[in-house]
Amino acid sequence: MIRLWEKEAPFQIEEEEAPYMTAYPAGTETAPAMLIFPGGSYRRRAAHEGEPVAKWLNSLGIHAFVVHYRVAPYKHPVPLLDASRAIRMIRQQAEKWNVDEKKVGVLGFSAGGHLASTLATKYDHGISSAADQIEQQSSRPDVIVLGYPVVTFGEHRHEGSMENLLGLGSSGEQRLFLSNERHVTKDTPPAFLWHTAEDEPVPVENSLLFAGALSRAGVPFDLHVFQSGRHGLGLASDHSEAFLWTAVCEKWLRKQGF
């Protein structure tokens, strides 16, 4: 267990809720790394979207870190602070953890995909004057992988994720700020997205909206929509169609130098 803050984390309520990440090294050689944000409507973190995904990435020779970011009752910006801290820490400790600091990506499912796309559209390049060397590091991911992600808090939103992150009665301004398809720029990292057309809790329009924004901004992306499949498939190893996402994602990651 790697604590994200040595002392109390910002907005910390209870000690046992301190955010941390679990490392899954792919070996002792310097290699790319991926942070994993499991989904769970910002209410919990789904186990099947954590360790199994890390072990799959290890099989590709990629170091993996499952981030136990804080969820409800914590509200925005707490999950984003935890995600930003995690990627900064990996870069700051890159030599110790055998990570190529120029190849650090994020992978998120469902609400974890919202967190990943939030980080990808609201990163900074570090605070050079910060006393904490970790905070001097960039929080920009080099690539993002989004599985059936929550992206928008507009028409096709997932109500539970929005309420858990923003609380009841959130303002239109807050919803727009965290509708990440609205904040894509030419500097947004390259992205891989997959979804199923049958997904009811998080409609496929979430991925379509983000892909459309990437296209308009000229950002490279891959988008894969499978006709069938429920929400929350994870690696989808038992699904006759969607299990292919890992193979095409591997090819895409290789193309990005991972």
C-alpha atoms as a PDB file:
ATOM      1  CA  MET A   1       0.000   0.000   0.000  1.00  0.00           C
ATOM      2  CA  ILE A   2       1.377   3.381  -1.042  1.00  0.00           C
ATOM      3  CA  ARG A   3      -0.201   6.317   0.756  1.00  0.00           C
ATOM      4  CA  LEU A   4      -0.716   9.309  -1.494  1.00  0.00           C
ATOM      5  CA  TRP A   5       0.100  11.775   1.283  1.00  0.00           C
ATOM      6  CA  GLU A   6       2.571  11.237   4.108  1.00  0.00           C
ATOM      7  CA  LYS A   7       0.394  13.254   6.439  1.00  0.00           C
ATOM      8  CA  GLU A   8      -3.316  13.948   6.371  1.00  0.00           C
ATOM      9  CA  ALA A   9      -4.758  14.252   2.878  1.00  0.00           C
ATOM     10  CA  PRO A  10      -6.667  17.392   1.857  1.00  0.00           C
ATOM     11  CA  PHE A  11     -10.269  17.293   3.116  1.00  0.00           C
ATOM     12  CA  GLN A  12      -9.503  14.141   5.134  1.00  0.00           C
ATOM     13  CA  ILE A  13     -12.339  13.089   7.464  1.00  0.00           C
ATOM     14  CA  GLU A  14     -11.335   9.705   8.853  1.00  0.00           C
ATOM     15  CA  GLU A  15      -7.850   8.155   8.966  1.00  0.00           C
ATOM     16  CA  GLU A  16      -9.078   4.839   7.521  1.00  0.00           C
ATOM     17  CA  GLU A  17     -10.342   6.711   4.445  1.00  0.00           C
ATOM     18  CA  ALA A  18      -6.873   7.959   3.483  1.00  0.00           C
ATOM     19  CA  PRO A  19      -6.349   7.533  -0.287  1.00  0.00           C
ATOM     20  CA  TYR A  20      -3.667   5.129  -1.455  1.00  0.00           C
ATOM     21  CA  MET A  21      -2.598   3.030  -4.410  1.00  0.00           C
ATOM     22  CA  THR A  22      -1.521  -0.576  -4.787  1.00  0.00           C
ATOM     23  CA  ALA A  23       1.446  -1.300  -7.047  1.00  0.00           C
ATOM     24  CA  TYR A  24       1.602  -4.215  -9.461  1.00  0.00           C
ATOM     25  CA  PRO A  25       5.089  -4.123 -11.007  1.00  0.00           C
ATOM     26  CA  ALA A  26       5.573  -5.927 -14.304  1.00  0.00           C
ATOM     27  CA  GLY A  27       9.195  -6.704 -13.443  1.00  0.00           C
ATOM     28  CA  THR A  28      12.405  -4.901 -12.616  1.00  0.00           C
ATOM     29  CA  GLU A  29      13.027  -3.316 -16.013  1.00  0.00           C
ATOM     30  CA  THR A  30      12.112   0.283 -16.774  1.00  0.00           C
ATOM     31  CA  ALA A  31       8.698   0.226 -18.436  1.00  0.00           C
ATOM     32  CA  PRO A  32       5.562   2.332 -19.005  1.00  0.00           C
ATOM     33  CA  ALA A  33       2.973   2.558 -16.230  1.00  0.00           C
ATOM     34  CA  MET A  34      -0.804   2.803 -16.083  1.00  0.00           C
ATOM     35  CA  LEU A  35      -2.929   4.054 -13.196  1.00  0.00           C
ATOM     36  CA  ILE A  36      -6.248   2.240 -12.827  1.00  0.00           C
ATOM     37  CA  PHE A  37      -9.405   3.961 -11.562  1.00  0.00           C
ATOM     38  CA  PRO A  38     -12.108   1.347 -10.855  1.00  0.00           C
ATOM     39  CA  GLY A  39     -15.708   2.423 -11.256  1.00  0.00           C
ATOM     40  CA  GLY A  40     -18.555   2.364  -8.762  1.00  0.00           C
ATOM     41  CA  SER A  41     -20.651   5.519  -9.241  1.00  0.00           C
ATOM     42  CA  TYR A  42     -18.280   7.508  -6.990  1.00  0.00           C
ATOM     43  CA  ARG A  43     -19.864   5.460  -4.181  1.00  0.00           C
ATOM     44  CA  ARG A  44     -17.448   2.534  -4.114  1.00  0.00           C
ATOM     45  CA  ARG A  45     -14.586   1.058  -6.152  1.00  0.00           C
ATOM     46  CA  ALA A  46     -15.379  -2.185  -8.003  1.00  0.00           C
ATOM     47  CA  ALA A  47     -12.818  -4.902  -7.214  1.00  0.00           C
ATOM     48  CA  HIS A  48     -13.127  -6.624 -10.601  1.00  0.00           C
ATOM     49  CA  GLU A  49     -12.004  -3.393 -12.287  1.00  0.00           C
ATOM     50  CA  GLY A  50      -8.847  -3.201 -10.182  1.00  0.00           C
ATOM     51  CA  GLU A  51      -6.459  -6.087  -9.592  1.00  0.00           C
ATOM     52  CA  PRO A  52      -7.533  -8.266 -12.569  1.00  0.00           C
ATOM     53  CA  VAL A  53      -6.935  -5.316 -14.893  1.00  0.00           C
ATOM     54  CA  ALA A  54      -3.551  -4.649 -13.280  1.00  0.00           C
ATOM     55  CA  LYS A  55      -2.492  -8.254 -13.901  1.00  0.00           C
ATOM     56  CA  TRP A  56      -3.584  -8.010 -17.531  1.00  0.00           C
ATOM     57  CA  LEU A  57      -1.434  -4.888 -17.942  1.00  0.00           C
ATOM     58  CA  ASN A  58       1.460  -6.729 -16.272  1.00  0.00           C
ATOM     59  CA  SER A  59       1.139  -9.438 -18.942  1.00  0.00           C
ATOM     60  CA  LEU A  60       1.844  -6.686 -21.498  1.00  0.00           C
ATOM     61  CA  GLY A  61       4.968  -5.607 -19.625  1.00  0.00           C
ATOM     62  CA  ILE A  62       3.299  -2.498 -18.188  1.00  0.00           C
ATOM     63  CA  HIS A  63       3.560  -1.544 -14.504  1.00  0.00           C
ATOM     64  CA  ALA A  64       0.130  -0.993 -12.972  1.00  0.00           C
ATOM     65  CA  PHE A  65      -1.107   1.001  -9.987  1.00  0.00           C
ATOM     66  CA  VAL A  66      -4.676   0.631  -8.712  1.00  0.00           C
ATOM     67  CA  VAL A  67      -5.733   3.953  -7.191  1.00  0.00           C
ATOM     68  CA  HIS A  68      -8.030   3.831  -4.158  1.00  0.00           C
ATOM     69  CA  TYR A  69      -9.351   7.345  -4.626  1.00  0.00           C
ATOM     70  CA  ARG A  70     -11.902   8.705  -2.182  1.00  0.00           C
ATOM     71  CA  VAL A  71     -15.600   8.362  -2.955  1.00  0.00           C
ATOM     72  CA  ALA A  72     -18.865   9.528  -1.312  1.00  0.00           C
ATOM     73  CA  PRO A  73     -19.355  11.201   1.066  1.00  0.00           C
ATOM     74  CA  TYR A  74     -16.361  13.008  -0.461  1.00  0.00           C
ATOM     75  CA  LYS A  75     -17.311  15.399  -3.239  1.00  0.00           C
ATOM     76  CA  HIS A  76     -15.489  17.136  -6.081  1.00  0.00           C
ATOM     77  CA  PRO A  77     -12.617  18.042  -6.152  1.00  0.00           C
ATOM     78  CA  VAL A  78     -11.468  15.267  -3.789  1.00  0.00           C
ATOM     79  CA  PRO A  79     -11.336  12.355  -6.298  1.00  0.00           C
ATOM     80  CA  LEU A  80      -9.511  14.573  -8.789  1.00  0.00           C
ATOM     81  CA  LEU A  81      -7.013  15.640  -6.120  1.00  0.00           C
ATOM     82  CA  ASP A  82      -6.317  11.974  -5.360  1.00  0.00           C
ATOM     83  CA  ALA A  83      -5.929  11.080  -9.048  1.00  0.00           C
ATOM     84  CA  SER A  84      -3.618  14.042  -9.682  1.00  0.00           C
ATOM     85  CA  ARG A  85      -1.526  13.183  -6.655  1.00  0.00           C
ATOM     86  CA  ALA A  86      -1.171   9.568  -7.781  1.00  0.00           C
ATOM     87  CA  ILE A  87       0.189  10.399 -11.232  1.00  0.00           C
ATOM     88  CA  ARG A  88       2.507  13.057  -9.826  1.00  0.00           C
ATOM     89  CA  MET A  89       3.859  10.554  -7.300  1.00  0.00           C
ATOM     90  CA  ILE A  90       4.548   7.942  -9.969  1.00  0.00           C
ATOM     91  CA  ARG A  91       6.560  10.466 -11.953  1.00  0.00           C
ATOM     92  CA  GLN A  92       8.423  11.687  -8.884  1.00  0.00           C
ATOM     93  CA  GLN A  93       9.292   8.104  -7.896  1.00  0.00           C
ATOM     94  CA  ALA A  94       9.839   6.906 -11.470  1.00  0.00           C
ATOM     95  CA  GLU A  95      13.452   5.832 -10.996  1.00  0.00           C
ATOM     96  CA  LYS A  96      12.697   3.961  -7.757  1.00  0.00           C
ATOM     97  CA  TRP A  97       9.717   2.147  -9.280  1.00  0.00           C
ATOM     98  CA  ASN A  98      11.363   1.490 -12.685  1.00  0.00           C
ATOM     99  CA  VAL A  99       8.804   3.637 -14.520  1.00  0.00           C
ATOM    100  CA  ASP A 100       9.381   5.497 -17.766  1.00  0.00           C
ATOM    101  CA  GLU A 101       8.168   8.899 -16.576  1.00  0.00           C
ATOM    102  CA  LYS A 102       7.312   9.926 -20.149  1.00  0.00           C
ATOM    103  CA  LYS A 103       4.923   6.997 -20.534  1.00  0.00           C
ATOM    104  CA  VAL A 104       2.395   7.192 -17.717  1.00  0.00           C
ATOM    105  CA  GLY A 105      -1.240   6.652 -18.637  1.00  0.00           C
ATOM    106  CA  VAL A 106      -4.573   6.236 -16.892  1.00  0.00           C
ATOM    107  CA  LEU A 107      -7.315   3.642 -17.349  1.00  0.00           C
ATOM    108  CA  GLY A 108     -10.779   4.115 -15.892  1.00  0.00           C
ATOM    109  CA  PHE A 109     -14.090   2.279 -15.949  1.00  0.00           C
ATOM    110  CA  SER A 110     -17.531   3.869 -15.602  1.00  0.00           C
ATOM    111  CA  ALA A 111     -17.220   6.575 -12.901  1.00  0.00           C
ATOM    112  CA  GLY A 112     -13.493   5.813 -12.874  1.00  0.00           C
ATOM    113  CA  GLY A 113     -13.613   6.693 -16.562  1.00  0.00           C
ATOM    114  CA  HIS A 114     -15.147  10.017 -15.612  1.00  0.00           C
ATOM    115  CA  LEU A 115     -12.265  10.566 -13.208  1.00  0.00           C
ATOM    116  CA  ALA A 116      -9.737   9.609 -15.905  1.00  0.00           C
ATOM    117  CA  SER A 117     -11.326  11.945 -18.462  1.00  0.00           C
ATOM    118  CA  THR A 118     -11.508  14.707 -15.847  1.00  0.00           C
ATOM    119  CA  LEU A 119      -7.795  14.334 -15.198  1.00  0.00           C
ATOM    120  CA  ALA A 120      -7.133  14.315 -18.950  1.00  0.00           C
ATOM    121  CA  THR A 121      -8.991  17.599 -19.458  1.00  0.00           C
ATOM    122  CA  LYS A 122      -8.095  19.399 -16.202  1.00  0.00           C
ATOM    123  CA  TYR A 123      -4.445  18.512 -15.617  1.00  0.00           C
ATOM    124  CA  ASP A 124      -1.627  20.934 -14.894  1.00  0.00           C
ATOM    125  CA  HIS A 125       2.100  20.800 -15.578  1.00  0.00           C
ATOM    126  CA  GLY A 126       3.125  20.983 -11.937  1.00  0.00           C
ATOM    127  CA  ILE A 127       3.825  23.824  -9.551  1.00  0.00           C
ATOM    128  CA  SER A 128       7.522  24.612  -9.932  1.00  0.00           C
ATOM    129  CA  SER A 129       7.613  26.652  -6.717  1.00  0.00           C
ATOM    130  CA  ALA A 130       5.980  23.948  -4.551  1.00  0.00           C
ATOM    131  CA  ALA A 131       7.973  22.834  -1.515  1.00  0.00           C
ATOM    132  CA  ASP A 132       6.657  19.305  -2.012  1.00  0.00           C
ATOM    133  CA  GLN A 133       8.630  17.776  -4.893  1.00  0.00           C
ATOM    134  CA  ILE A 134       5.676  15.567  -5.813  1.00  0.00           C
ATOM    135  CA  GLU A 135       3.540  18.642  -6.509  1.00  0.00           C
ATOM    136  CA  GLN A 136       6.195  19.899  -8.936  1.00  0.00           C
ATOM    137  CA  GLN A 137       5.383  17.029 -11.297  1.00  0.00           C
ATOM    138  CA  SER A 138       2.905  17.179 -14.174  1.00  0.00           C
ATOM    139  CA  SER A 139      -0.496  15.552 -13.699  1.00  0.00           C
ATOM    140  CA  ARG A 140      -1.089  15.138 -17.450  1.00  0.00           C
ATOM    141  CA  PRO A 141      -1.536  11.506 -18.519  1.00  0.00           C
ATOM    142  CA  ASP A 142       0.319  10.475 -21.663  1.00  0.00           C
ATOM    143  CA  VAL A 143      -2.608   8.281 -22.779  1.00  0.00           C
ATOM    144  CA  ILE A 144      -6.091   7.501 -21.472  1.00  0.00           C
ATOM    145  CA  VAL A 145      -8.113   4.287 -21.732  1.00  0.00           C
ATOM    146  CA  LEU A 146     -11.840   4.583 -20.981  1.00  0.00           C
ATOM    147  CA  GLY A 147     -14.120   1.594 -20.491  1.00  0.00           C
ATOM    148  CA  TYR A 148     -17.877   2.353 -20.667  1.00  0.00           C
ATOM    149  CA  PRO A 149     -17.061   5.742 -19.120  1.00  0.00           C
ATOM    150  CA  VAL A 150     -19.273   8.310 -17.509  1.00  0.00           C
ATOM    151  CA  VAL A 151     -18.283  11.449 -19.431  1.00  0.00           C
ATOM    152  CA  THR A 152     -21.130  13.935 -19.398  1.00  0.00           C
ATOM    153  CA  PHE A 153     -23.406  15.376 -16.727  1.00  0.00           C
ATOM    154  CA  GLY A 154     -25.718  16.622 -19.454  1.00  0.00           C
ATOM    155  CA  GLU A 155     -28.536  14.804 -21.234  1.00  0.00           C
ATOM    156  CA  HIS A 156     -26.951  11.327 -21.154  1.00  0.00           C
ATOM    157  CA  ARG A 157     -25.602  11.521 -17.614  1.00  0.00           C
ATOM    158  CA  HIS A 158     -25.443   8.763 -15.040  1.00  0.00           C
ATOM    159  CA  GLU A 159     -27.504  10.291 -12.263  1.00  0.00           C
ATOM    160  CA  GLY A 160     -25.911   8.334  -9.413  1.00  0.00           C
ATOM    161  CA  SER A 161     -22.345   9.301 -10.314  1.00  0.00           C
ATOM    162  CA  MET A 162     -23.307  12.957 -10.644  1.00  0.00           C
ATOM    163  CA  GLU A 163     -25.147  13.030  -7.310  1.00  0.00           C
ATOM    164  CA  ASN A 164     -22.365  11.226  -5.460  1.00  0.00           C
ATOM    165  CA  LEU A 165     -19.708  13.560  -6.882  1.00  0.00           C
ATOM    166  CA  LEU A 166     -21.590  16.864  -6.720  1.00  0.00           C
ATOM    167  CA  GLY A 167     -24.357  16.246  -4.200  1.00  0.00           C
ATOM    168  CA  LEU A 168     -28.069  16.823  -4.611  1.00  0.00           C
ATOM    169  CA  GLY A 169     -29.087  20.096  -6.220  1.00  0.00           C
ATOM    170  CA  SER A 170     -25.835  20.735  -8.079  1.00  0.00           C
ATOM    171  CA  SER A 171     -25.742  23.850 -10.229  1.00  0.00           C
ATOM    172  CA  GLY A 172     -25.747  23.960 -14.005  1.00  0.00           C
ATOM    173  CA  GLU A 173     -22.303  25.536 -13.852  1.00  0.00           C
ATOM    174  CA  GLN A 174     -20.918  22.590 -11.854  1.00  0.00           C
ATOM    175  CA  ARG A 175     -22.439  20.091 -14.267  1.00  0.00           C
ATOM    176  CA  LEU A 176     -20.985  21.862 -17.278  1.00  0.00           C
ATOM    177  CA  PHE A 177     -17.562  22.067 -15.635  1.00  0.00           C
ATOM    178  CA  LEU A 178     -17.509  18.296 -15.133  1.00  0.00           C
ATOM    179  CA  SER A 179     -19.034  17.376 -18.493  1.00  0.00           C
ATOM    180  CA  ASN A 180     -15.645  16.459 -19.870  1.00  0.00           C
ATOM    181  CA  GLU A 181     -16.577  16.342 -23.558  1.00  0.00           C
ATOM    182  CA  ARG A 182     -16.840  20.142 -23.294  1.00  0.00           C
ATOM    183  CA  HIS A 183     -13.231  20.582 -22.215  1.00  0.00           C
ATOM    184  CA  VAL A 184     -11.293  18.599 -24.809  1.00  0.00           C
ATOM    185  CA  THR A 185      -8.502  20.560 -26.520  1.00  0.00           C
ATOM    186  CA  LYS A 186      -5.737  19.750 -28.976  1.00  0.00           C
ATOM    187  CA  ASP A 187      -3.540  19.012 -25.945  1.00  0.00           C
ATOM    188  CA  THR A 188      -5.828  16.339 -24.500  1.00  0.00           C
ATOM    189  CA  PRO A 189      -3.948  12.997 -24.439  1.00  0.00           C
ATOM    190  CA  PRO A 190      -4.629  10.307 -27.069  1.00  0.00           C
ATOM    191  CA  ALA A 191      -7.522   8.066 -26.017  1.00  0.00           C
ATOM    192  CA  PHE A 192      -8.876   4.545 -26.393  1.00  0.00           C
ATOM    193  CA  LEU A 193     -12.585   4.124 -25.669  1.00  0.00           C
ATOM    194  CA  TRP A 194     -14.857   1.108 -25.592  1.00  0.00           C
ATOM    195  CA  HIS A 195     -18.528   0.755 -24.742  1.00  0.00           C
ATOM    196  CA  THR A 196     -21.531  -1.463 -25.478  1.00  0.00           C
ATOM    197  CA  ALA A 197     -24.587  -0.244 -27.328  1.00  0.00           C
ATOM    198  CA  GLU A 198     -26.831  -2.021 -24.812  1.00  0.00           C
ATOM    199  CA  ASP A 199     -25.389  -0.213 -21.785  1.00  0.00           C
ATOM    200  CA  GLU A 200     -28.391   1.230 -19.949  1.00  0.00           C
ATOM    201  CA  PRO A 201     -26.921   2.811 -16.771  1.00  0.00           C
ATOM    202  CA  VAL A 202     -24.249   4.704 -18.737  1.00  0.00           C
ATOM    203  CA  PRO A 203     -25.486   5.233 -22.309  1.00  0.00           C
ATOM    204  CA  VAL A 204     -23.026   4.769 -25.157  1.00  0.00           C
ATOM    205  CA  GLU A 205     -23.549   8.457 -25.996  1.00  0.00           C
ATOM    206  CA  ASN A 206     -21.015   9.206 -23.249  1.00  0.00           C
ATOM    207  CA  SER A 207     -18.232   7.630 -25.312  1.00  0.00           C
ATOM    208  CA  LEU A 208     -19.616   9.023 -28.561  1.00  0.00           C
ATOM    209  CA  LEU A 209     -19.636  12.558 -27.174  1.00  0.00           C
ATOM    210  CA  PHE A 210     -16.045  12.303 -25.997  1.00  0.00           C
ATOM    211  CA  ALA A 211     -14.875  10.733 -29.257  1.00  0.00           C
ATOM    212  CA  GLY A 212     -16.600  13.492 -31.214  1.00  0.00           C
ATOM    213  CA  ALA A 213     -14.845  16.130 -29.157  1.00  0.00           C
ATOM    214  CA  LEU A 214     -11.481  14.402 -29.663  1.00  0.00           C
ATOM    215  CA  SER A 215     -12.112  14.259 -33.400  1.00  0.00           C
ATOM    216  CA  ARG A 216     -12.924  17.962 -33.621  1.00  0.00           C
ATOM    217  CA  ALA A 217      -9.791  18.806 -31.616  1.00  0.00           C
ATOM    218  CA  GLY A 218      -7.543  16.636 -33.788  1.00  0.00           C
ATOM    219  CA  VAL A 219      -6.602  14.286 -30.935  1.00  0.00           C
ATOM    220  CA  PRO A 220      -5.807  10.670 -31.944  1.00  0.00           C
ATOM    221  CA  PHE A 221      -8.290   8.114 -30.608  1.00  0.00           C
ATOM    222  CA  ASP A 222      -9.704   4.623 -31.055  1.00  0.00           C
ATOM    223  CA  LEU A 223     -13.404   3.991 -30.405  1.00  0.00           C
ATOM    224  CA  HIS A 224     -14.962   0.515 -30.188  1.00  0.00           C
ATOM    225  CA  VAL A 225     -18.680  -0.044 -29.645  1.00  0.00           C
ATOM    226  CA  PHE A 226     -19.898  -3.625 -29.190  1.00  0.00           C
ATOM    227  CA  GLN A 227     -23.518  -4.347 -30.011  1.00  0.00           C
ATOM    228  CA  SER A 228     -24.325  -6.379 -26.902  1.00  0.00           C
ATOM    229  CA  GLY A 229     -23.216  -6.396 -23.287  1.00  0.00           C
ATOM    230  CA  ARG A 230     -24.305  -5.102 -19.921  1.00  0.00           C
ATOM    231  CA  HIS A 231     -22.653  -2.286 -18.016  1.00  0.00           C
ATOM    232  CA  GLY A 232     -19.645  -3.078 -15.829  1.00  0.00           C
ATOM    233  CA  LEU A 233     -18.030  -5.906 -17.805  1.00  0.00           C
ATOM    234  CA  GLY A 234     -14.462  -5.166 -16.696  1.00  0.00           C
ATOM    235  CA  LEU A 235     -12.097  -7.377 -18.708  1.00  0.00           C
ATOM    236  CA  ALA A 236     -15.224  -8.978 -20.275  1.00  0.00           C
ATOM    237  CA  SER A 237     -13.444 -12.337 -20.424  1.00  0.00           C
ATOM    238  CA  ASP A 238     -16.775 -14.210 -20.338  1.00  0.00           C
ATOM    239  CA  HIS A 239     -18.497 -12.107 -23.023  1.00  0.00           C
ATOM    240  CA  SER A 240     -18.575 -13.443 -26.584  1.00  0.00           C
ATOM    241  CA  GLU A 241     -17.961 -10.050 -28.200  1.00  0.00           C
ATOM    242  CA  ALA A 242     -16.631  -7.469 -25.774  1.00  0.00           C
ATOM    243  CA  PHE A 243     -13.730  -9.683 -24.624  1.00  0.00           C
ATOM    244  CA  LEU A 244     -11.956  -8.443 -27.752  1.00  0.00           C
ATOM    245  CA  TRP A 245     -11.436  -5.005 -26.235  1.00  0.00           C
ATOM    246  CA  THR A 246      -8.245  -6.060 -24.457  1.00  0.00           C
ATOM    247  CA  ALA A 247      -6.641  -7.313 -27.680  1.00  0.00           C
ATOM    248  CA  VAL A 248      -7.405  -4.161 -29.653  1.00  0.00           C
ATOM    249  CA  CYS A 249      -6.400  -2.012 -26.690  1.00  0.00           C
ATOM    250  CA  GLU A 250      -3.057  -3.806 -26.498  1.00  0.00           C
ATOM    251  CA  LYS A 251      -2.402  -3.008 -30.165  1.00  0.00           C
ATOM    252  CA  TRP A 252      -3.357   0.613 -29.566  1.00  0.00           C
ATOM    253  CA  LEU A 253      -1.113   0.894 -26.509  1.00  0.00           C
ATOM    254  CA  ARG A 254       1.800  -0.530 -28.494  1.00  0.00           C
ATOM    255  CA  LYS A 255       1.166   2.097 -31.159  1.00  0.00           C
ATOM    256  CA  GLN A 256       1.484   4.764 -28.442  1.00  0.00           C
ATOM    257  CA  GLY A 257       4.842   3.313 -27.347  1.00  0.00           C
ATOM    258  CA  PHE A 258       3.524   1.456 -24.273  1.00  0.00           C
END
